[in-house]
Each structure stands twice: as C-alpha cells, then as structure tokens.
Amino acid sequence: MPSAPSSCRTRSTASRDAPSPTAGPSRFRRTDLLLRRPSPLPGVPPVSPLVSRRATRRAVRRFSTGLTKILKSSAKLSEAAAREGRKTVREARKAVKALAEEPATRVPGRFVTVDGLRVHYIARGKGRPVVLIHGNGTMAEDFVISGLVDRLAKSYRVIAIDRPGFGHTERPRHRVWTASAQARLVHRALEALNVERPVIVGHSWGTLVSLALAAEEWRALRGLVLLSGFYFPARRADVTMIAPLAIPGVGDAVRSLTPATVGHLLAPHVFRHVFKPQPVPARFTARFPVGISIHPTQSRASAEDTATMNAAAGLLQARYADLRLPVAILSGDADAIVDPAEQSERLHRAVAGSTLTILPGLGHMVHYAAQAKIGQAVDALMASTGKSLRWT
C-alpha cells in the first residue's frame, strides 16, 4: 500500500501533541487529575480523593473508639454477671447444705388435743399466764429464739402456741381458718391447759387472732399487747401476689413442683426484708427452723392467711370500739411490712383506753429489739384492774 504523504503525517502528529484549548496550563493537568473525579450522582459536586481519605480515616478512628468503649462495657458487664453468678452458686450450695442438715423432726414443746386436733405449744415459767400468738410465716419457736419467752418466764407462766398449720400444729382442710376460727382454737387450748385470765401478746397476723379472742368474749382476759399489727383492710401487693397460692389445687400444684432448695435460697432475702432496718440476728439465722417454715403445709397456711387478712381485718374493725379491756399497742416506725400510721395509730384512736408506743428506728420484728418495752407493757396490764380503767 502506498504510504501517506509526509505533510499528512506531520499534521496528524502535531495535532496529537498540541494542548487542548480548554485544558489550561500544562502544570495543572496532573494535579487536576488526582484531585478531581466525576461525581457518581447528578447534581453533586465531585469529591477530592484526599478529602475522601481524610474522612475515611476519621470514620475509622470514631468506629475504633466506639468499638473499644463497647468492648470495655461488655467486659465490665460480663465481670459483674460472673460475680453475681458465683454469689448465686455459693448461696445455692449453702441452701443445699442447710437442707441436708435440717432435722427431720424437731419438736421443742408439747401437744394438747383440742376437738381432735393436735395443737403444739411451748410453756415456760410460773405465775400468772401470758399467752404469745405468732405472726404469719413463723411459729411459736420464734418467740423462744428472740429471747422474749425466757424474759417473760422470769415473772410469769408463758405459753407460746403454734397457730393452725404453723410449726407443729395441724391445719385440716375441711375448715376455713379465719381469725375467729383460730381464736376459738386458742380458747379451747387454753381451757385444756387450765389457763385463766391471761395477758395475750400477739405479733403481726397474731394480733388479728388476739383481737378476735377479745371480741368474742369467750373468756376473761387481763388485756392485750399488740405488736406490729395489721388491723384495717389495705391495698397490699403481697395479698395480690400470694392469693392464687391459696386456691386449692392451684397452690398445691405449685408447692409440689417447687424444690425445697428454692425455699432455702429465697429465705434469707425474706428474712432481711422482715427484719429491716435491723440486721437479721445471728441467733435467728442459727436457730430458726427454715425447713419447717417452707414445708408445704406451712406454706399453704401462710398463703391462706395472707389471702384472707383483709377480710379478717374488715370483719373485726367494727368491733374495736366495743372492746372493754386494757390494750397496749406497740409498733416500730420503720416497719417495712405494715404502716404504723395507717394501722397502729388508727387502732389507738378506735380503741378507748388503749396506749400507743411507737418505737423509733425499729422494724417489724420488735420482739427481738424491744423486749424491755414489751415486758413493761405486760407488767402494766398485770398491775391494772377493771376499777382503774376508764372508757369514754
């Protein structure tokens, strides 16, 4: 093929090497190519690669810093969870050990049979009688552990009775164990024991039984000493939560499916709540029979009493104004179970001739921390006579 003319070759080469009229000076060409790239989106100005790299590095640093904080927080949470897990394991081991060491039978007192029902009681001392009626979830032995029985037994004949279903007293299912029904059982037991004109000391739920015993007037009483009591219906979360466990069948199924180790594991938390703001006494921790308190029979009795406490107080409150016997009311102002302003102070206004003692800084278990005050109240009732009392 013939070659192109030399004039044509020269013109083509010159046109290739000549700068574009719109490209600008040659010293800016390379920089422009490095710093400018066409934008992938229409209407968005192009982004410099240098700016893009700086933004990327900042984003990486921020991501790294955030990730480091997250990892540190996760490590702290994992460490806290591990500590709680180890604590739970230790408590579970203690619960299992306590369950293994719990005696199968432990009867500290005696029995009296009333209407075919075996009633357990603890008796100490000699003299005029003082009868102790315990609260919900506990038993007569609690008064012994607290030291109140021995303190009162120095001057009086002290009888602490296990209410139906608590401690070692039976709780037949064919009866509805209202406060009045329990008071009737206590009355019959005192008849069998030849107890006359006692001072009745009731604690917590036991105050309802004490008031029912006084209101029914089955026997003459020297007076009532009421400790940390519940006297008027009130909205309570524990009633709402525990009421289903009082339903026959439902509660039995739950209790049968709950291992005893769970009860032992939860018991320390319950005890701390009941005693606060005071610490749980060492003698209580060492001697209180947890195995009996979490037994299905006592758990059923506790659930039934909790579910019916508002009804029991509601039936009794109309009769408070008619009481004609000495009544001493004691309550701690730091009680976490019952509000003394709504309960004890209100009862004091309702019962003519009653006395009220508010114990500063004390919680629900006043029979552990205020035995001197309780002893003084009992002494005062023993010294009082019907002629010296005035009701208005």
Protein backbone atom coordinates (compact mmCIF):
# COMPACT_ATOMS: atom_id res chain seq x y z
CA MET A 1 0.00 0.00 0.00
CA PRO A 2 1.43 3.41 -0.80
CA SER A 3 2.40 5.48 2.18
CA ALA A 4 0.61 8.69 3.18
CA PRO A 5 2.18 11.93 2.18
CA SER A 6 4.66 13.40 4.66
CA SER A 7 2.60 16.52 5.04
CA CYS A 8 -0.27 14.48 6.36
CA ARG A 9 1.92 12.64 8.89
CA THR A 10 3.33 15.86 10.22
CA ARG A 11 -0.08 17.44 10.62
CA SER A 12 -1.51 14.41 12.49
CA THR A 13 1.41 14.28 14.94
CA ALA A 14 1.24 17.96 15.58
CA SER A 15 -2.46 17.85 16.27
CA ARG A 16 -1.98 14.94 18.75
CA ASP A 17 0.73 16.73 20.69
CA ALA A 18 -0.94 20.12 20.74
CA PRO A 19 -2.66 21.04 24.03
CA SER A 20 -6.43 21.29 24.18
CA PRO A 21 -7.60 24.86 24.11
CA THR A 22 -9.73 24.18 27.24
CA ALA A 23 -7.20 22.17 29.27
CA GLY A 24 -5.39 25.16 30.78
CA PRO A 25 -1.68 25.34 31.56
CA SER A 26 0.17 22.04 31.46
CA ARG A 27 1.49 22.31 35.09
CA PHE A 28 -2.07 21.86 36.49
CA ARG A 29 -3.03 18.82 34.47
CA ARG A 30 -1.68 16.10 36.83
CA THR A 31 -2.97 17.76 39.99
CA ASP A 32 -6.36 18.15 38.46
CA LEU A 33 -6.48 14.50 37.52
CA LEU A 34 -5.52 13.47 41.09
CA LEU A 35 -7.90 15.75 42.96
CA ARG A 36 -10.99 15.60 40.82
CA ARG A 37 -13.17 12.68 39.98
CA PRO A 38 -16.55 12.84 38.39
CA SER A 39 -19.42 12.52 40.89
CA PRO A 40 -21.49 9.33 40.53
CA LEU A 41 -24.66 11.31 41.30
CA PRO A 42 -26.02 14.00 39.06
CA GLY A 43 -26.06 17.45 40.60
CA VAL A 44 -23.49 16.52 43.32
CA PRO A 45 -20.11 18.22 43.02
CA PRO A 46 -17.07 15.95 42.63
CA VAL A 47 -15.19 14.90 45.80
CA SER A 48 -11.47 15.14 46.16
CA PRO A 49 -9.79 11.77 46.87
CA LEU A 50 -7.64 13.47 49.53
CA VAL A 51 -10.72 14.73 51.36
CA SER A 52 -12.31 11.32 51.00
CA ARG A 53 -9.29 9.62 52.53
CA ARG A 54 -9.29 12.03 55.49
CA ALA A 55 -13.00 11.44 56.10
CA THR A 56 -12.43 7.70 55.91
CA ARG A 57 -9.63 7.88 58.49
CA ARG A 58 -11.83 9.93 60.84
CA ALA A 59 -14.68 7.45 60.43
CA VAL A 60 -12.29 4.57 61.16
CA ARG A 61 -10.98 6.31 64.30
CA ARG A 62 -14.51 7.00 65.53
CA PHE A 63 -15.57 3.44 64.85
CA SER A 64 -12.48 2.11 66.67
CA THR A 65 -13.11 4.36 69.67
CA GLY A 66 -16.79 3.34 69.85
CA LEU A 67 -15.93 -0.32 69.46
CA THR A 68 -13.35 -0.05 72.26
CA LYS A 69 -15.92 1.52 74.59
CA ILE A 70 -18.45 -1.19 73.75
CA LEU A 71 -15.90 -3.93 74.40
CA LYS A 72 -14.89 -2.36 77.73
CA SER A 73 -18.55 -2.06 78.80
CA SER A 74 -19.20 -5.65 77.76
CA ALA A 75 -16.19 -6.80 79.75
CA LYS A 76 -17.45 -4.93 82.85
CA LEU A 77 -20.94 -6.40 82.45
CA SER A 78 -19.52 -9.88 81.98
CA GLU A 79 -17.41 -9.47 85.11
CA ALA A 80 -20.42 -8.27 87.13
CA ALA A 81 -22.54 -11.13 85.80
CA ALA A 82 -19.80 -13.57 86.71
CA ARG A 83 -19.66 -12.18 90.27
CA GLU A 84 -23.43 -12.48 90.64
CA GLY A 85 -23.32 -15.97 89.21
CA ARG A 86 -20.63 -17.03 91.70
CA LYS A 87 -22.67 -15.47 94.54
CA THR A 88 -25.80 -17.35 93.45
CA VAL A 89 -23.87 -20.61 93.27
CA ARG A 90 -22.50 -20.06 96.79
CA GLU A 91 -25.99 -19.34 98.14
CA ALA A 92 -27.38 -22.39 96.38
CA ARG A 93 -24.68 -24.57 97.91
CA LYS A 94 -25.47 -23.16 101.35
CA ALA A 95 -29.16 -23.86 100.75
CA VAL A 96 -28.47 -27.45 99.76
CA LYS A 97 -26.21 -27.89 102.79
CA ALA A 98 -28.84 -26.39 105.12
CA LEU A 99 -31.46 -28.69 103.64
CA ALA A 100 -29.25 -31.72 104.19
CA GLU A 101 -28.53 -30.71 107.80
CA GLU A 102 -32.16 -29.84 108.66
CA PRO A 103 -33.51 -32.31 111.26
CA ALA A 104 -36.41 -34.43 110.10
CA THR A 105 -38.41 -33.76 113.27
CA ARG A 106 -37.81 -31.05 115.78
CA VAL A 107 -40.48 -30.56 118.40
CA PRO A 108 -39.41 -28.13 121.12
CA GLY A 109 -42.68 -28.16 123.07
CA ARG A 110 -45.71 -30.26 123.91
CA PHE A 111 -49.08 -31.09 122.42
CA VAL A 112 -52.65 -30.69 123.61
CA THR A 113 -55.53 -32.22 121.69
CA VAL A 114 -58.47 -29.90 121.05
CA ASP A 115 -61.55 -31.20 119.22
CA GLY A 116 -59.43 -33.95 117.68
CA LEU A 117 -56.69 -31.52 116.58
CA ARG A 118 -53.16 -31.69 117.96
CA VAL A 119 -52.03 -28.21 118.97
CA HIS A 120 -48.36 -27.59 119.67
CA TYR A 121 -47.30 -25.17 122.40
CA ILE A 122 -44.20 -24.17 124.36
CA ALA A 123 -44.55 -23.47 128.08
CA ARG A 124 -42.02 -21.87 130.42
CA GLY A 125 -42.06 -20.28 133.89
CA LYS A 126 -44.63 -19.99 136.66
CA GLY A 127 -47.14 -17.40 137.79
CA ARG A 128 -49.92 -15.50 136.10
CA PRO A 129 -50.30 -16.55 132.46
CA VAL A 130 -49.03 -14.74 129.38
CA VAL A 131 -50.02 -16.25 126.00
CA LEU A 132 -47.95 -15.49 122.88
CA ILE A 133 -49.55 -15.72 119.42
CA HIS A 134 -47.13 -15.53 116.48
CA GLY A 135 -47.49 -13.92 113.07
CA ASN A 136 -47.64 -15.23 109.51
CA GLY A 137 -44.87 -17.45 108.14
CA THR A 138 -43.32 -18.16 111.52
CA MET A 139 -44.13 -20.22 114.63
CA ALA A 140 -44.12 -20.28 118.44
CA GLU A 141 -40.42 -21.17 118.47
CA ASP A 142 -39.65 -17.72 117.09
CA PHE A 143 -40.59 -16.22 120.48
CA VAL A 144 -38.10 -18.59 122.12
CA ILE A 145 -35.31 -17.69 119.68
CA SER A 146 -35.92 -13.98 120.22
CA GLY A 147 -35.48 -14.41 123.99
CA LEU A 148 -38.92 -12.98 124.80
CA VAL A 149 -40.17 -16.25 126.28
CA ASP A 150 -37.27 -16.54 128.72
CA ARG A 151 -37.50 -12.86 129.66
CA LEU A 152 -41.21 -13.07 130.49
CA ALA A 153 -40.83 -16.51 132.12
CA LYS A 154 -38.82 -14.92 134.92
CA SER A 155 -42.08 -13.49 136.27
CA TYR A 156 -44.92 -15.30 134.53
CA ARG A 157 -46.16 -18.57 133.14
CA VAL A 158 -45.56 -18.14 129.41
CA ILE A 159 -47.35 -20.20 126.78
CA ALA A 160 -46.50 -19.77 123.08
CA ILE A 161 -48.94 -21.51 120.74
CA ASP A 162 -48.45 -22.66 117.16
CA ARG A 163 -51.41 -21.44 115.12
CA PRO A 164 -53.10 -23.93 112.74
CA GLY A 165 -50.72 -25.04 110.01
CA PHE A 166 -47.67 -23.36 111.54
CA GLY A 167 -44.85 -25.03 113.40
CA HIS A 168 -46.14 -28.39 114.57
CA THR A 169 -49.90 -27.71 114.73
CA GLU A 170 -52.09 -29.35 112.11
CA ARG A 171 -54.36 -27.45 109.71
CA PRO A 172 -57.22 -29.64 108.50
CA ARG A 173 -58.55 -28.71 105.07
CA HIS A 174 -62.23 -29.19 105.93
CA ARG A 175 -62.24 -25.98 108.00
CA VAL A 176 -61.86 -22.36 106.91
CA TRP A 177 -59.28 -20.98 109.29
CA THR A 178 -60.42 -17.41 109.74
CA ALA A 179 -59.06 -15.24 112.56
CA SER A 180 -62.19 -16.06 114.58
CA ALA A 181 -61.78 -19.82 113.96
CA GLN A 182 -58.17 -19.65 115.08
CA ALA A 183 -59.14 -17.63 118.16
CA ARG A 184 -61.68 -20.33 119.01
CA LEU A 185 -58.94 -22.97 118.79
CA VAL A 186 -56.66 -20.91 121.07
CA HIS A 187 -59.50 -20.50 123.55
CA ARG A 188 -60.15 -24.26 123.64
CA ALA A 189 -56.43 -24.98 124.03
CA LEU A 190 -56.21 -22.57 126.98
CA GLU A 191 -59.21 -24.29 128.53
CA ALA A 192 -57.42 -27.63 128.26
CA LEU A 193 -54.32 -26.12 129.88
CA ASN A 194 -56.33 -24.53 132.72
CA VAL A 195 -55.25 -21.02 131.82
CA GLU A 196 -57.30 -18.26 133.44
CA ARG A 197 -57.32 -14.51 132.73
CA PRO A 198 -54.17 -14.36 130.63
CA VAL A 199 -52.49 -11.40 129.02
CA ILE A 200 -52.49 -12.07 125.28
CA VAL A 201 -49.42 -10.92 123.31
CA GLY A 202 -49.99 -11.04 119.55
CA HIS A 203 -47.48 -10.25 116.83
CA SER A 204 -48.32 -9.28 113.23
CA TRP A 205 -51.10 -11.61 111.95
CA GLY A 206 -51.38 -12.90 115.50
CA THR A 207 -52.85 -9.54 116.53
CA LEU A 208 -55.97 -10.38 114.49
CA VAL A 209 -56.37 -13.63 116.43
CA SER A 210 -55.80 -11.74 119.70
CA LEU A 211 -58.45 -9.15 118.85
CA ALA A 212 -60.91 -11.85 117.75
CA LEU A 213 -60.34 -13.66 121.05
CA ALA A 214 -61.13 -10.44 122.94
CA ALA A 215 -64.12 -9.50 120.76
CA GLU A 216 -65.82 -12.90 121.10
CA GLU A 217 -65.60 -12.72 124.92
CA TRP A 218 -65.36 -16.48 125.34
CA ARG A 219 -63.11 -15.95 128.35
CA ALA A 220 -61.92 -13.22 130.68
CA LEU A 221 -58.65 -11.58 129.62
CA ARG A 222 -56.38 -9.26 131.57
CA GLY A 223 -55.53 -7.37 128.41
CA LEU A 224 -53.88 -7.36 125.00
CA VAL A 225 -50.35 -6.43 123.96
CA LEU A 226 -50.36 -5.96 120.19
CA LEU A 227 -47.04 -5.87 118.32
CA SER A 228 -46.58 -4.67 114.72
CA GLY A 229 -50.18 -5.48 113.94
CA PHE A 230 -52.47 -5.30 110.93
CA TYR A 231 -55.92 -4.05 111.93
CA PHE A 232 -57.62 -2.42 108.94
CA PRO A 233 -58.02 -3.52 105.30
CA ALA A 234 -55.44 -2.03 102.94
CA ARG A 235 -54.11 -2.50 99.43
CA ARG A 236 -51.15 -4.82 99.64
CA ALA A 237 -49.01 -6.24 96.85
CA ASP A 238 -48.28 -9.42 98.81
CA VAL A 239 -52.00 -10.22 99.06
CA THR A 240 -52.41 -9.88 95.29
CA MET A 241 -49.34 -11.98 94.54
CA ILE A 242 -49.91 -14.79 97.04
CA ALA A 243 -53.71 -15.09 96.80
CA PRO A 244 -53.57 -17.59 93.86
CA LEU A 245 -51.45 -19.92 96.02
CA ALA A 246 -54.33 -20.14 98.49
CA ILE A 247 -56.64 -21.68 95.85
CA PRO A 248 -57.00 -25.43 96.49
CA GLY A 249 -55.34 -27.43 93.76
CA VAL A 250 -53.53 -24.50 92.17
CA GLY A 251 -51.43 -23.72 95.22
CA ASP A 252 -50.87 -27.41 95.95
CA ALA A 253 -49.56 -27.95 92.41
CA VAL A 254 -47.16 -25.02 92.66
CA ARG A 255 -45.87 -26.13 96.05
CA SER A 256 -45.38 -29.73 94.92
CA LEU A 257 -43.36 -28.57 91.89
CA THR A 258 -41.14 -26.20 93.87
CA PRO A 259 -37.97 -27.86 95.20
CA ALA A 260 -37.12 -27.28 98.85
CA THR A 261 -33.77 -25.82 97.78
CA VAL A 262 -35.62 -22.89 96.21
CA GLY A 263 -37.24 -22.11 99.56
CA HIS A 264 -33.88 -22.26 101.31
CA LEU A 265 -32.41 -20.00 98.64
CA LEU A 266 -35.16 -17.35 98.97
CA ALA A 267 -35.49 -17.47 102.76
CA PRO A 268 -32.51 -15.17 103.56
CA HIS A 269 -33.94 -12.45 101.32
CA VAL A 270 -37.35 -12.71 103.03
CA PHE A 271 -35.76 -12.56 106.48
CA ARG A 272 -33.75 -9.45 105.59
CA HIS A 273 -36.92 -7.71 104.42
CA VAL A 274 -38.87 -8.64 107.54
CA PHE A 275 -36.13 -7.51 109.95
CA LYS A 276 -35.01 -4.34 108.17
CA PRO A 277 -33.74 -1.81 109.01
CA GLN A 278 -32.20 -4.04 111.70
CA PRO A 279 -29.89 -6.83 110.51
CA VAL A 280 -31.05 -10.41 110.85
CA PRO A 281 -29.88 -11.53 114.32
CA ALA A 282 -27.23 -14.25 114.37
CA ARG A 283 -29.31 -16.33 116.77
CA PHE A 284 -32.22 -16.26 114.33
CA THR A 285 -30.01 -17.38 111.44
CA ALA A 286 -28.53 -20.17 113.55
CA ARG A 287 -31.70 -21.49 115.18
CA PHE A 288 -34.79 -20.67 113.12
CA PRO A 289 -36.10 -23.91 111.52
CA VAL A 290 -36.28 -22.84 107.86
CA GLY A 291 -37.19 -26.36 106.78
CA ILE A 292 -40.42 -26.21 108.78
CA SER A 293 -41.29 -22.68 107.63
CA ILE A 294 -41.04 -23.64 103.93
CA HIS A 295 -42.79 -27.01 104.31
CA PRO A 296 -45.83 -27.31 102.00
CA THR A 297 -48.22 -27.40 104.98
CA GLN A 298 -46.92 -24.16 106.46
CA SER A 299 -46.62 -22.58 103.01
CA ARG A 300 -50.30 -23.33 102.43
CA ALA A 301 -51.24 -21.88 105.82
CA SER A 302 -49.20 -18.75 105.11
CA ALA A 303 -50.81 -18.28 101.70
CA GLU A 304 -54.31 -18.72 103.11
CA ASP A 305 -53.69 -16.27 105.95
CA THR A 306 -52.22 -13.71 103.55
CA ALA A 307 -55.16 -14.04 101.18
CA THR A 308 -57.72 -13.57 103.99
CA MET A 309 -56.03 -10.88 106.08
CA ASN A 310 -58.05 -8.01 104.61
CA ALA A 311 -61.29 -9.91 105.15
CA ALA A 312 -60.27 -10.72 108.73
CA ALA A 313 -59.47 -7.08 109.50
CA GLY A 314 -62.67 -5.93 107.81
CA LEU A 315 -64.82 -8.20 109.97
CA LEU A 316 -63.13 -7.08 113.18
CA GLN A 317 -62.81 -3.32 112.71
CA ALA A 318 -66.46 -2.61 113.55
CA ARG A 319 -65.95 -4.22 116.96
CA TYR A 320 -62.88 -2.30 118.11
CA ALA A 321 -64.90 0.48 119.70
CA ASP A 322 -66.74 -2.06 121.87
CA LEU A 323 -63.62 -3.56 123.44
CA ARG A 324 -63.57 -3.11 127.21
CA LEU A 325 -60.17 -4.33 128.32
CA PRO A 326 -56.67 -2.83 128.54
CA VAL A 327 -54.92 -2.72 125.17
CA ALA A 328 -51.25 -1.79 124.67
CA ILE A 329 -50.19 -1.14 121.07
CA LEU A 330 -46.51 -1.19 120.09
CA SER A 331 -45.04 -0.64 116.63
CA GLY A 332 -41.72 0.32 115.06
CA ASP A 333 -41.78 3.49 112.97
CA ALA A 334 -39.50 1.85 110.36
CA ASP A 335 -41.73 -1.20 109.84
CA ALA A 336 -41.43 -2.39 106.21
CA ILE A 337 -44.40 -4.79 106.48
CA VAL A 338 -47.19 -2.64 107.94
CA ASP A 339 -47.54 1.12 108.12
CA PRO A 340 -47.86 2.15 111.80
CA ALA A 341 -49.65 5.37 110.86
CA GLU A 342 -52.35 3.51 108.92
CA GLN A 343 -52.63 0.62 111.36
CA SER A 344 -51.39 1.09 114.94
CA GLU A 345 -52.16 4.80 115.27
CA ARG A 346 -55.61 4.29 113.77
CA LEU A 347 -56.35 1.41 116.15
CA HIS A 348 -55.27 3.57 119.08
CA ARG A 349 -57.91 6.13 118.08
CA ALA A 350 -60.55 3.41 117.70
CA VAL A 351 -59.98 1.56 121.00
CA ALA A 352 -60.88 3.63 124.03
CA GLY A 353 -58.34 3.50 126.85
CA SER A 354 -55.60 1.97 124.70
CA THR A 355 -51.96 3.04 124.90
CA LEU A 356 -49.69 3.53 121.90
CA THR A 357 -45.90 3.18 121.87
CA ILE A 358 -44.05 4.00 118.64
CA LEU A 359 -40.53 2.57 118.72
CA PRO A 360 -38.06 4.81 116.84
CA GLY A 361 -35.93 3.14 114.19
CA LEU A 362 -37.36 -0.36 114.68
CA GLY A 363 -38.80 -2.61 112.01
CA HIS A 364 -41.41 -5.34 112.06
CA MET A 365 -39.70 -7.81 114.41
CA VAL A 366 -39.94 -5.68 117.55
CA HIS A 367 -39.91 -8.74 119.85
CA TYR A 368 -36.20 -9.09 119.04
CA ALA A 369 -35.20 -5.46 119.61
CA ALA A 370 -37.72 -4.10 122.16
CA GLN A 371 -38.18 -6.82 124.76
CA ALA A 372 -37.85 -4.36 127.63
CA LYS A 373 -40.74 -2.28 126.26
CA ILE A 374 -42.85 -5.39 125.75
CA GLY A 375 -42.10 -6.57 129.27
CA GLN A 376 -43.13 -3.17 130.66
CA ALA A 377 -46.41 -3.34 128.73
CA VAL A 378 -47.16 -6.79 130.12
CA ASP A 379 -46.30 -5.66 133.66
CA ALA A 380 -48.61 -2.66 133.30
CA LEU A 381 -51.53 -4.83 132.21
CA MET A 382 -50.92 -7.27 135.03
CA ALA A 383 -50.99 -4.38 137.51
CA SER A 384 -54.15 -2.80 136.10
CA THR A 385 -57.63 -3.58 137.38
CA GLY A 386 -61.06 -3.04 135.91
CA LYS A 387 -61.85 -0.40 138.53
CA SER A 388 -58.91 1.76 137.49
CA LEU A 389 -59.83 1.81 133.80
CA ARG A 390 -61.91 4.50 132.12
CA TRP A 391 -63.65 4.23 128.75
CA THR A 392 -65.20 7.20 127.03
